[in-house]
C-alpha atoms as a PDB file:
ATOM      1  CA  UNK A   1      30.114-151.251 -65.195  1.00  0.00           C
ATOM      2  CA  UNK A   2      29.966-150.504 -68.717  1.00  0.00           C
ATOM      3  CA  UNK A   3      29.738-153.596 -71.182  1.00  0.00           C
ATOM      4  CA  UNK A   4      31.438-153.357 -74.565  1.00  0.00           C
ATOM      5  CA  UNK A   5      29.217-154.445 -77.475  1.00  0.00           C
ATOM      6  CA  UNK A   6      30.868-157.807 -77.989  1.00  0.00           C
ATOM      7  CA  UNK A   7      30.173-158.780 -74.327  1.00  0.00           C
ATOM      8  CA  UNK A   8      26.614-157.304 -74.492  1.00  0.00           C
ATOM      9  CA  UNK A   9      25.811-159.100 -77.727  1.00  0.00           C
ATOM     10  CA  UNK A  10      26.859-162.533 -76.138  1.00  0.00           C
ATOM     11  CA  UNK A  11      24.768-161.947 -73.130  1.00  0.00           C
ATOM     12  CA  UNK A  12      21.781-161.028 -75.145  1.00  0.00           C
ATOM     13  CA  UNK A  13      22.260-163.958 -77.494  1.00  0.00           C
ATOM     14  CA  UNK A  14      22.497-166.212 -74.425  1.00  0.00           C
ATOM     15  CA  UNK A  15      19.245-165.225 -72.986  1.00  0.00           C
ATOM     16  CA  UNK A  16      17.535-165.277 -76.433  1.00  0.00           C
ATOM     17  CA  UNK A  17      18.458-168.830 -76.890  1.00  0.00           C
ATOM     18  CA  UNK A  18      17.643-170.294 -73.454  1.00  0.00           C
ATOM     19  CA  UNK A  19      14.353-171.587 -72.388  1.00  0.00           C
ATOM     20  CA  UNK A  20      12.674-170.802 -69.096  1.00  0.00           C
ATOM     21  CA  UNK A  21      12.954-174.392 -68.003  1.00  0.00           C
ATOM     22  CA  UNK A  22      16.850-174.551 -69.021  1.00  0.00           C
ATOM     23  CA  UNK A  23      17.488-171.331 -66.932  1.00  0.00           C
ATOM     24  CA  UNK A  24      15.824-172.894 -63.889  1.00  0.00           C
ATOM     25  CA  UNK A  25      17.614-176.031 -64.218  1.00  0.00           C
ATOM     26  CA  UNK A  26      21.098-173.996 -64.107  1.00  0.00           C
ATOM     27  CA  UNK A  27      19.833-171.927 -61.154  1.00  0.00           C
ATOM     28  CA  UNK A  28      18.805-174.991 -59.313  1.00  0.00           C
ATOM     29  CA  UNK A  29      21.508-177.332 -60.099  1.00  0.00           C
ATOM     30  CA  UNK A  30      24.459-175.175 -60.608  1.00  0.00           C
ATOM     31  CA  UNK A  31      23.864-172.439 -58.126  1.00  0.00           C
ATOM     32  CA  UNK A  32      21.573-174.080 -55.352  1.00  0.00           C
ATOM     33  CA  UNK A  33      18.654-171.879 -55.898  1.00  0.00           C
ATOM     34  CA  UNK A  34      15.710-173.744 -53.922  1.00  0.00           C
ATOM     35  CA  UNK A  35      12.490-174.496 -55.710  1.00  0.00           C
ATOM     36  CA  UNK A  36       9.283-173.930 -53.668  1.00  0.00           C
ATOM     37  CA  UNK A  37       6.392-175.689 -55.314  1.00  0.00           C
ATOM     38  CA  UNK A  38       3.948-174.794 -52.429  1.00  0.00           C
ATOM     39  CA  UNK A  39       2.927-171.411 -53.918  1.00  0.00           C
ATOM     40  CA  UNK A  40      -0.743-171.465 -55.073  1.00  0.00           C
ATOM     41  CA  UNK A  41      -0.696-169.092 -58.013  1.00  0.00           C
ATOM     42  CA  UNK A  42      -3.695-170.719 -60.192  1.00  0.00           C
ATOM     43  CA  UNK A  43      -6.555-168.427 -60.705  1.00  0.00           C
ATOM     44  CA  UNK A  44      -4.891-165.277 -59.114  1.00  0.00           C
ATOM     45  CA  UNK A  45      -4.517-162.018 -60.603  1.00  0.00           C
ATOM     46  CA  UNK A  46      -1.142-159.995 -60.688  1.00  0.00           C
ATOM     47  CA  UNK A  47      -0.286-156.328 -61.234  1.00  0.00           C
ATOM     48  CA  UNK A  48       1.818-155.220 -63.950  1.00  0.00           C
ATOM     49  CA  UNK A  49       4.968-153.263 -62.774  1.00  0.00           C
ATOM     50  CA  UNK A  50       5.860-150.153 -64.668  1.00  0.00           C
ATOM     51  CA  UNK A  51       9.256-148.448 -65.272  1.00  0.00           C
ATOM     52  CA  UNK A  52       9.843-145.472 -63.367  1.00  0.00           C
ATOM     53  CA  UNK A  53      12.908-143.160 -63.842  1.00  0.00           C
ATOM     54  CA  UNK A  54      14.110-140.519 -61.341  1.00  0.00           C
ATOM     55  CA  UNK A  55      14.631-137.049 -62.861  1.00  0.00           C
ATOM     56  CA  UNK A  56      16.337-134.690 -60.444  1.00  0.00           C
ATOM     57  CA  UNK A  57      15.122-130.950 -60.633  1.00  0.00           C
ATOM     58  CA  UNK A  58      18.442-129.735 -59.158  1.00  0.00           C
ATOM     59  CA  UNK A  59      21.908-129.854 -60.513  1.00  0.00           C
ATOM     60  CA  UNK A  60      24.146-131.990 -58.443  1.00  0.00           C
ATOM     61  CA  UNK A  61      27.174-131.804 -60.545  1.00  0.00           C
ATOM     62  CA  UNK A  62      30.793-130.744 -59.328  1.00  0.00           C
ATOM     63  CA  UNK A  63      32.809-128.280 -61.120  1.00  0.00           C
ATOM     64  CA  UNK A  64      36.298-129.961 -61.016  1.00  0.00           C
ATOM     65  CA  UNK A  65      37.871-126.915 -62.472  1.00  0.00           C
ATOM     66  CA  UNK A  66      37.649-124.689 -59.349  1.00  0.00           C
ATOM     67  CA  UNK A  67      38.698-125.868 -55.861  1.00  0.00           C
ATOM     68  CA  UNK A  68      35.948-124.071 -54.027  1.00  0.00           C
ATOM     69  CA  UNK A  69      33.190-126.567 -55.511  1.00  0.00           C
ATOM     70  CA  UNK A  70      35.269-129.561 -54.385  1.00  0.00           C
ATOM     71  CA  UNK A  71      33.984-131.412 -51.357  1.00  0.00           C
ATOM     72  CA  UNK A  72      36.809-131.763 -48.646  1.00  0.00           C
ATOM     73  CA  UNK A  73      37.920-135.201 -47.250  1.00  0.00           C
ATOM     74  CA  UNK A  74      38.028-135.620 -43.551  1.00  0.00           C
END
Protein backbone atom coordinates (compact mmCIF):
# COMPACT_ATOMS: atom_id res chain seq x y z
CA UNK A 1 0.00 0.00 0.00
CA UNK A 2 1.42 3.37 -0.96
CA UNK A 3 0.59 6.27 1.34
CA UNK A 4 0.12 9.76 0.04
CA UNK A 5 2.30 12.50 1.55
CA UNK A 6 -0.50 13.92 3.73
CA UNK A 7 -1.24 10.60 5.47
CA UNK A 8 2.46 9.79 5.84
CA UNK A 9 3.07 13.19 7.46
CA UNK A 10 0.18 12.63 9.90
CA UNK A 11 1.58 9.21 10.91
CA UNK A 12 5.11 10.59 11.31
CA UNK A 13 3.81 13.51 13.36
CA UNK A 14 1.81 11.18 15.62
CA UNK A 15 4.82 9.03 16.47
CA UNK A 16 7.11 12.05 16.94
CA UNK A 17 4.72 13.52 19.53
CA UNK A 18 3.90 10.47 21.65
CA UNK A 19 5.98 9.08 24.48
CA UNK A 20 6.82 5.41 24.88
CA UNK A 21 4.70 5.32 28.04
CA UNK A 22 1.66 6.79 26.24
CA UNK A 23 2.08 4.32 23.38
CA UNK A 24 2.33 1.41 25.84
CA UNK A 25 -0.83 2.56 27.66
CA UNK A 26 -2.75 2.75 24.38
CA UNK A 27 -1.55 -0.72 23.35
CA UNK A 28 -2.56 -2.22 26.70
CA UNK A 29 -5.78 -0.36 27.45
CA UNK A 30 -7.22 0.07 23.96
CA UNK A 31 -5.93 -2.97 22.07
CA UNK A 32 -5.58 -5.55 24.86
CA UNK A 33 -1.82 -6.13 24.73
CA UNK A 34 -0.50 -7.97 27.80
CA UNK A 35 2.27 -6.58 29.99
CA UNK A 36 4.84 -9.17 31.09
CA UNK A 37 6.83 -7.76 34.00
CA UNK A 38 8.53 -11.07 34.79
CA UNK A 39 11.30 -10.51 32.23
CA UNK A 40 14.69 -9.72 33.78
CA UNK A 41 16.63 -7.34 31.52
CA UNK A 42 18.89 -5.54 33.99
CA UNK A 43 22.63 -5.93 33.41
CA UNK A 44 22.19 -7.86 30.17
CA UNK A 45 23.73 -7.08 26.81
CA UNK A 46 21.75 -6.89 23.60
CA UNK A 47 22.79 -7.23 19.96
CA UNK A 48 22.06 -4.40 17.56
CA UNK A 49 20.11 -5.51 14.52
CA UNK A 50 21.23 -4.21 11.14
CA UNK A 51 19.13 -3.59 8.05
CA UNK A 52 19.75 -6.02 5.22
CA UNK A 53 18.50 -5.48 1.70
CA UNK A 54 17.94 -8.21 -0.87
CA UNK A 55 19.15 -7.51 -4.38
CA UNK A 56 18.45 -10.14 -7.01
CA UNK A 57 21.13 -11.04 -9.55
CA UNK A 58 18.53 -12.10 -12.10
CA UNK A 59 15.84 -10.15 -13.93
CA UNK A 60 12.45 -11.57 -12.91
CA UNK A 61 10.38 -8.99 -14.74
CA UNK A 62 7.68 -9.94 -17.25
CA UNK A 63 7.36 -8.32 -20.66
CA UNK A 64 3.64 -7.68 -20.93
CA UNK A 65 3.93 -6.65 -24.57
CA UNK A 66 4.56 -10.20 -25.79
CA UNK A 67 2.21 -13.07 -25.06
CA UNK A 68 5.04 -15.63 -24.89
CA UNK A 69 6.45 -14.13 -21.71
CA UNK A 70 3.11 -14.10 -19.84
CA UNK A 71 2.47 -16.99 -17.47
CA UNK A 72 -0.72 -18.93 -18.19
CA UNK A 73 -3.37 -19.46 -15.54
CA UNK A 74 -4.60 -22.98 -14.86
